Protein backbone atom coordinates (compact mmCIF):
# COMPACT_ATOMS: atom_id res chain seq x y z
CA MET A 1 137.57 111.77 131.12
CA LYS A 2 140.05 109.00 131.54
CA GLU A 3 141.89 107.97 128.43
CA LYS A 4 141.64 104.52 126.82
CA ILE A 5 138.46 103.44 128.67
CA HIS A 6 135.76 105.07 126.51
CA PRO A 7 134.69 103.73 123.12
CA LYS A 8 135.41 105.85 120.06
CA TYR A 9 132.51 108.05 118.99
CA GLY A 10 132.40 108.57 115.26
CA PRO A 11 130.20 108.69 112.15
CA ALA A 12 127.70 105.90 111.57
CA ARG A 13 125.32 105.22 108.71
CA PHE A 14 121.99 103.49 109.35
CA GLU A 15 120.43 101.85 106.30
CA CYS A 16 116.81 100.74 106.55
CA ALA A 17 115.23 97.94 104.53
CA CYS A 18 112.91 100.55 102.97
CA GLY A 19 115.94 102.39 101.53
CA ASN A 20 116.05 105.28 103.98
CA VAL A 21 119.57 106.28 105.07
CA ILE A 22 120.29 108.12 108.32
CA GLU A 23 123.75 109.48 108.98
CA THR A 24 124.60 110.19 112.60
CA LYS A 25 127.28 109.50 115.18
CA SER A 26 127.60 106.39 117.30
CA THR A 27 130.07 104.30 119.23
CA ARG A 28 129.42 101.61 116.63
CA GLN A 29 130.96 103.04 113.49
CA GLY A 30 130.36 102.06 109.89
CA THR A 31 127.17 100.93 108.19
CA ILE A 32 124.42 99.50 110.37
CA LYS A 33 121.47 97.81 108.68
CA VAL A 34 118.06 98.03 110.36
CA GLU A 35 114.71 96.50 109.44
CA ILE A 36 112.48 99.44 110.29
CA CYS A 37 112.94 103.19 110.75
CA SER A 38 110.84 106.28 111.41
CA ALA A 39 110.18 106.69 107.67
CA CYS A 40 108.49 103.30 107.31
CA HIS A 41 107.21 102.47 110.82
CA PRO A 42 103.36 102.49 110.88
CA ILE A 43 103.13 104.68 113.98
CA PHE A 44 105.25 107.43 112.45
CA THR A 45 103.66 107.23 108.97
CA GLY A 46 100.07 107.40 110.22
CA GLN A 47 99.12 104.03 108.74
CA HIS A 48 98.75 102.43 112.17
CA LYS A 49 95.89 99.93 112.27
CA LEU A 50 93.82 99.82 115.43
CA VAL A 51 93.54 96.42 117.03
CA ASP A 52 90.02 95.23 117.75
CA SER A 53 90.29 95.68 121.49
CA ALA A 54 86.50 95.75 121.87
CA GLY A 55 86.35 92.14 120.75
CA ARG A 56 89.00 91.20 123.28
CA VAL A 57 87.18 92.93 126.11
CA GLU A 58 83.89 91.26 125.18
CA LYS A 59 85.62 87.89 125.06
CA PHE A 60 87.11 88.50 128.52
CA LEU A 61 83.75 89.56 129.96
CA LYS A 62 81.99 86.58 128.43
CA LYS A 63 84.61 84.22 129.82
CA TYR A 64 84.31 85.51 133.39
CA GLU A 65 80.62 86.40 133.32
CA LYS A 66 79.54 83.13 134.92
CA LYS A 67 81.92 83.58 137.86
CA ALA A 68 80.73 87.13 138.45
CA LYS A 69 77.06 86.08 138.36
CA SER A 70 77.60 83.22 140.80
CA LYS A 71 79.36 85.55 143.26
CA LYS A 72 76.51 88.07 143.03
CA GLN A 73 73.97 85.35 143.69
CA GLU A 74 75.90 84.18 146.75
CA LYS A 75 75.90 87.73 148.15
CA THR A 76 72.16 88.28 147.50
CA THR A 77 71.04 84.89 148.84
CA PRO A 78 70.03 85.28 152.50
CA GLU A 79 71.72 82.92 154.87
CA ALA A 80 69.51 80.87 157.17
């Protein structure tokens, strides 16, 4: 490695808003405050709420249902 071109790699302390502290190494040394960590993030804690995607799909289908029906009617209507 060339000297004087790489950042210093040293100890860093990540402090979450929930109070969790993670000590690791980073090029950004000192205390780094974060809003969310693996101890309080809903995906990691198992408290993840499922979004009502069925309602979104039904809304989409309802919105474009008329266009789909009109295209089907055009295809089934015999041309003279």
